[in-house]
Amino acid sequence: MNLNPKMLDPVFHFLDRTIAEYVDYLFLAFVWLSLLVLAWVFSGGLRRKFPNQPHVSAGIAIVIQPPGPQPTPIIFHEHHSDCDDSDV
């Protein structure tokens, strides 16, 4: 394969000029594109799909349960040795 530099010079000049002028926009576009690609991969975009298997989807749910009834408090009575119940 013969890559003639004379023929590719206009392409390289165009790319250099475009990158120099629009580097901020290109960076933002690549960041958003990478976020979209990651979301696609994490949602199962790279999994093999077999034709015989049924489609199974799973979701994430947040369940907030109200607090249950409070347990009855345990009250401890200390037994005093100087106070005798039979004297009453």
N, C-alpha and C. Protein backbone atom coordinates (compact mmCIF):
# COMPACT_ATOMS: atom_id res chain seq x y z
N MET A 1 0.84 -1.17 0.00
CA MET A 1 0.00 0.00 0.00
C MET A 1 0.89 1.24 0.00
N ASN A 2 0.65 2.08 -0.92
CA ASN A 2 1.46 3.27 -1.08
C ASN A 2 0.69 4.46 -0.51
N LEU A 3 1.20 5.00 0.62
CA LEU A 3 0.59 6.20 1.20
C LEU A 3 1.43 7.39 0.77
N ASN A 4 0.95 8.11 -0.18
CA ASN A 4 1.66 9.26 -0.71
C ASN A 4 1.46 10.45 0.23
N PRO A 5 2.55 10.96 0.85
CA PRO A 5 2.38 12.09 1.77
C PRO A 5 1.87 13.35 1.08
N LYS A 6 2.14 13.51 -0.20
CA LYS A 6 1.64 14.68 -0.93
C LYS A 6 0.11 14.66 -1.01
N MET A 7 -0.44 13.44 -1.10
CA MET A 7 -1.88 13.32 -1.22
C MET A 7 -2.58 13.46 0.14
N LEU A 8 -1.90 13.07 1.22
CA LEU A 8 -2.51 13.12 2.54
C LEU A 8 -2.25 14.43 3.28
N ASP A 9 -1.39 15.29 2.76
CA ASP A 9 -1.09 16.56 3.42
C ASP A 9 -2.34 17.42 3.64
N PRO A 10 -3.23 17.57 2.68
CA PRO A 10 -4.43 18.38 2.96
C PRO A 10 -5.31 17.79 4.08
N VAL A 11 -5.36 16.47 4.15
CA VAL A 11 -6.15 15.83 5.21
C VAL A 11 -5.53 16.12 6.57
N PHE A 12 -4.20 15.98 6.67
CA PHE A 12 -3.53 16.22 7.94
C PHE A 12 -3.63 17.69 8.34
N HIS A 13 -3.54 18.61 7.40
CA HIS A 13 -3.68 20.03 7.71
C HIS A 13 -5.10 20.34 8.19
N PHE A 14 -6.08 19.71 7.55
CA PHE A 14 -7.46 19.91 7.98
C PHE A 14 -7.66 19.40 9.41
N LEU A 15 -7.16 18.21 9.70
CA LEU A 15 -7.30 17.66 11.05
C LEU A 15 -6.58 18.51 12.09
N ASP A 16 -5.36 18.97 11.77
CA ASP A 16 -4.63 19.82 12.70
C ASP A 16 -5.37 21.12 12.98
N ARG A 17 -5.89 21.74 11.94
CA ARG A 17 -6.61 23.00 12.10
C ARG A 17 -7.91 22.79 12.87
N THR A 18 -8.62 21.70 12.60
CA THR A 18 -9.88 21.42 13.30
C THR A 18 -9.63 21.15 14.77
N ILE A 19 -8.62 20.37 15.09
CA ILE A 19 -8.31 20.07 16.49
C ILE A 19 -7.86 21.33 17.22
N ALA A 20 -7.07 22.16 16.58
CA ALA A 20 -6.59 23.39 17.22
C ALA A 20 -7.75 24.36 17.50
N GLU A 21 -8.73 24.44 16.62
CA GLU A 21 -9.81 25.40 16.79
C GLU A 21 -10.94 24.88 17.67
N TYR A 22 -11.22 23.59 17.62
CA TYR A 22 -12.40 23.04 18.29
C TYR A 22 -12.05 22.00 19.35
N VAL A 23 -10.91 22.16 20.01
CA VAL A 23 -10.48 21.15 20.98
C VAL A 23 -11.45 21.06 22.15
N ASP A 24 -12.02 22.16 22.61
CA ASP A 24 -12.95 22.13 23.74
C ASP A 24 -14.22 21.36 23.39
N TYR A 25 -14.77 21.65 22.23
CA TYR A 25 -15.99 20.97 21.81
C TYR A 25 -15.75 19.49 21.54
N LEU A 26 -14.61 19.18 20.96
CA LEU A 26 -14.29 17.78 20.72
C LEU A 26 -14.12 17.02 22.03
N PHE A 27 -13.48 17.65 23.01
CA PHE A 27 -13.29 17.01 24.30
C PHE A 27 -14.64 16.72 24.96
N LEU A 28 -15.53 17.70 24.97
CA LEU A 28 -16.85 17.50 25.56
C LEU A 28 -17.64 16.42 24.82
N ALA A 29 -17.53 16.41 23.51
CA ALA A 29 -18.23 15.39 22.73
C ALA A 29 -17.70 13.99 23.06
N PHE A 30 -16.39 13.86 23.20
CA PHE A 30 -15.83 12.55 23.53
C PHE A 30 -16.19 12.12 24.95
N VAL A 31 -16.27 13.06 25.88
CA VAL A 31 -16.66 12.71 27.26
C VAL A 31 -18.09 12.21 27.28
N TRP A 32 -19.01 12.93 26.63
CA TRP A 32 -20.40 12.49 26.62
C TRP A 32 -20.56 11.18 25.87
N LEU A 33 -19.82 11.02 24.80
CA LEU A 33 -19.88 9.77 24.05
C LEU A 33 -19.38 8.60 24.89
N SER A 34 -18.31 8.82 25.66
CA SER A 34 -17.80 7.73 26.50
C SER A 34 -18.80 7.38 27.60
N LEU A 35 -19.52 8.39 28.15
CA LEU A 35 -20.54 8.09 29.15
C LEU A 35 -21.68 7.27 28.55
N LEU A 36 -22.07 7.60 27.34
CA LEU A 36 -23.11 6.82 26.68
C LEU A 36 -22.65 5.39 26.39
N VAL A 37 -21.41 5.23 25.99
CA VAL A 37 -20.88 3.89 25.73
C VAL A 37 -20.81 3.08 27.02
N LEU A 38 -20.38 3.71 28.12
CA LEU A 38 -20.35 2.99 29.40
C LEU A 38 -21.75 2.59 29.85
N ALA A 39 -22.72 3.46 29.69
CA ALA A 39 -24.09 3.11 30.05
C ALA A 39 -24.59 1.96 29.21
N TRP A 40 -24.26 1.96 27.93
CA TRP A 40 -24.67 0.86 27.05
C TRP A 40 -24.01 -0.44 27.47
N VAL A 41 -22.72 -0.40 27.82
CA VAL A 41 -22.01 -1.62 28.22
C VAL A 41 -22.58 -2.15 29.52
N PHE A 42 -22.81 -1.26 30.51
CA PHE A 42 -23.33 -1.72 31.79
C PHE A 42 -24.77 -2.20 31.70
N SER A 43 -25.51 -1.76 30.71
CA SER A 43 -26.88 -2.25 30.55
C SER A 43 -26.93 -3.55 29.78
N GLY A 44 -25.79 -4.09 29.41
CA GLY A 44 -25.76 -5.39 28.75
C GLY A 44 -25.54 -5.32 27.27
N GLY A 45 -24.96 -4.26 26.79
CA GLY A 45 -24.76 -4.11 25.36
C GLY A 45 -23.75 -5.06 24.76
N LEU A 46 -22.85 -5.59 25.58
CA LEU A 46 -21.84 -6.50 25.05
C LEU A 46 -22.16 -7.97 25.27
N ARG A 47 -23.32 -8.25 25.90
CA ARG A 47 -23.69 -9.65 26.12
C ARG A 47 -24.10 -10.30 24.82
N ARG A 48 -23.83 -11.59 24.74
CA ARG A 48 -24.29 -12.34 23.57
C ARG A 48 -25.77 -12.60 23.71
N LYS A 49 -26.49 -12.44 22.66
CA LYS A 49 -27.92 -12.69 22.68
C LYS A 49 -28.20 -13.98 21.91
N PHE A 50 -28.73 -14.95 22.63
CA PHE A 50 -29.07 -16.22 22.00
C PHE A 50 -30.53 -16.18 21.57
N PRO A 51 -30.84 -16.68 20.40
CA PRO A 51 -32.21 -16.56 19.90
C PRO A 51 -33.21 -17.40 20.69
N ASN A 52 -32.80 -18.48 21.35
CA ASN A 52 -33.74 -19.38 22.01
C ASN A 52 -34.07 -18.94 23.44
N GLN A 53 -33.31 -18.04 24.00
CA GLN A 53 -33.53 -17.66 25.39
C GLN A 53 -34.55 -16.53 25.48
N PRO A 54 -35.42 -16.60 26.50
CA PRO A 54 -36.38 -15.51 26.66
C PRO A 54 -35.68 -14.26 27.17
N HIS A 55 -36.29 -13.14 26.86
CA HIS A 55 -35.72 -11.85 27.28
C HIS A 55 -36.01 -11.64 28.76
N VAL A 56 -34.98 -11.44 29.55
CA VAL A 56 -35.13 -11.22 30.98
C VAL A 56 -34.59 -9.83 31.29
N SER A 57 -35.41 -9.04 31.94
CA SER A 57 -34.95 -7.71 32.33
C SER A 57 -35.05 -7.60 33.84
N ALA A 58 -34.12 -6.90 34.40
CA ALA A 58 -34.09 -6.68 35.85
C ALA A 58 -33.98 -5.19 36.10
N GLY A 59 -34.64 -4.76 37.12
CA GLY A 59 -34.60 -3.35 37.48
C GLY A 59 -34.12 -3.18 38.91
N ILE A 60 -33.81 -1.98 39.23
CA ILE A 60 -33.38 -1.67 40.57
C ILE A 60 -34.52 -0.93 41.25
N ALA A 61 -34.92 -1.41 42.43
CA ALA A 61 -35.99 -0.79 43.16
C ALA A 61 -35.50 -0.41 44.55
N ILE A 62 -35.94 0.72 45.02
CA ILE A 62 -35.63 1.15 46.37
C ILE A 62 -36.90 0.99 47.20
N VAL A 63 -36.81 0.18 48.23
CA VAL A 63 -37.97 -0.09 49.07
C VAL A 63 -37.73 0.56 50.42
N ILE A 64 -38.64 1.43 50.81
CA ILE A 64 -38.56 2.09 52.11
C ILE A 64 -39.68 1.54 52.97
N GLN A 65 -39.31 0.84 54.04
CA GLN A 65 -40.30 0.26 54.92
C GLN A 65 -40.48 1.18 56.13
N PRO A 66 -41.73 1.41 56.52
CA PRO A 66 -41.94 2.23 57.72
C PRO A 66 -41.48 1.45 58.95
N PRO A 67 -41.03 2.15 59.96
CA PRO A 67 -40.57 1.43 61.14
C PRO A 67 -41.73 0.71 61.81
N GLY A 68 -41.43 -0.47 62.33
CA GLY A 68 -42.44 -1.28 62.99
C GLY A 68 -42.73 -0.74 64.38
N PRO A 69 -43.63 -1.40 65.10
CA PRO A 69 -43.95 -0.93 66.45
C PRO A 69 -42.73 -1.07 67.36
N GLN A 70 -42.61 -0.11 68.27
CA GLN A 70 -41.48 -0.12 69.18
C GLN A 70 -41.69 -1.19 70.24
N PRO A 71 -40.63 -1.91 70.58
CA PRO A 71 -40.79 -2.93 71.63
C PRO A 71 -41.04 -2.25 72.97
N THR A 72 -41.76 -2.96 73.81
CA THR A 72 -42.04 -2.40 75.13
C THR A 72 -40.75 -2.33 75.93
N PRO A 73 -40.55 -1.25 76.64
CA PRO A 73 -39.29 -1.14 77.40
C PRO A 73 -39.30 -2.08 78.59
N ILE A 74 -38.16 -2.60 78.91
CA ILE A 74 -37.99 -3.48 80.06
C ILE A 74 -37.56 -2.62 81.23
N ILE A 75 -38.35 -2.67 82.29
CA ILE A 75 -38.07 -1.86 83.47
C ILE A 75 -37.51 -2.77 84.55
N PHE A 76 -36.36 -2.45 85.01
CA PHE A 76 -35.71 -3.24 86.05
C PHE A 76 -35.97 -2.58 87.40
N HIS A 77 -36.38 -3.38 88.39
CA HIS A 77 -36.55 -2.90 89.76
C HIS A 77 -35.42 -3.50 90.58
N GLU A 78 -34.74 -2.64 91.27
CA GLU A 78 -33.68 -3.15 92.15
C GLU A 78 -34.27 -3.55 93.48
N HIS A 79 -33.84 -4.65 93.97
CA HIS A 79 -34.32 -5.15 95.26
C HIS A 79 -33.41 -4.59 96.35
N HIS A 80 -34.02 -3.86 97.31
CA HIS A 80 -33.27 -3.32 98.43
C HIS A 80 -33.35 -4.29 99.59
N SER A 81 -32.23 -4.57 100.17
CA SER A 81 -32.22 -5.54 101.27
C SER A 81 -32.79 -4.95 102.56
N ASP A 82 -32.75 -3.63 102.75
CA ASP A 82 -33.27 -3.04 103.97
C ASP A 82 -34.79 -2.93 103.97
N CYS A 83 -35.40 -3.02 102.85
CA CYS A 83 -36.84 -2.98 102.74
C CYS A 83 -37.37 -4.39 102.55
N ASP A 84 -38.15 -4.86 103.48
CA ASP A 84 -38.67 -6.23 103.41
C ASP A 84 -40.15 -6.16 103.08
N ASP A 85 -40.60 -6.94 102.11
CA ASP A 85 -41.99 -6.90 101.70
C ASP A 85 -42.93 -7.47 102.77
N SER A 86 -42.44 -8.33 103.62
CA SER A 86 -43.32 -8.93 104.63
C SER A 86 -43.65 -7.96 105.75
N ASP A 87 -42.91 -6.86 105.93
CA ASP A 87 -43.18 -5.90 106.99
C ASP A 87 -44.35 -4.99 106.68
N VAL A 88 -44.77 -4.92 105.47
CA VAL A 88 -45.81 -3.99 105.07
C VAL A 88 -47.16 -4.42 105.52
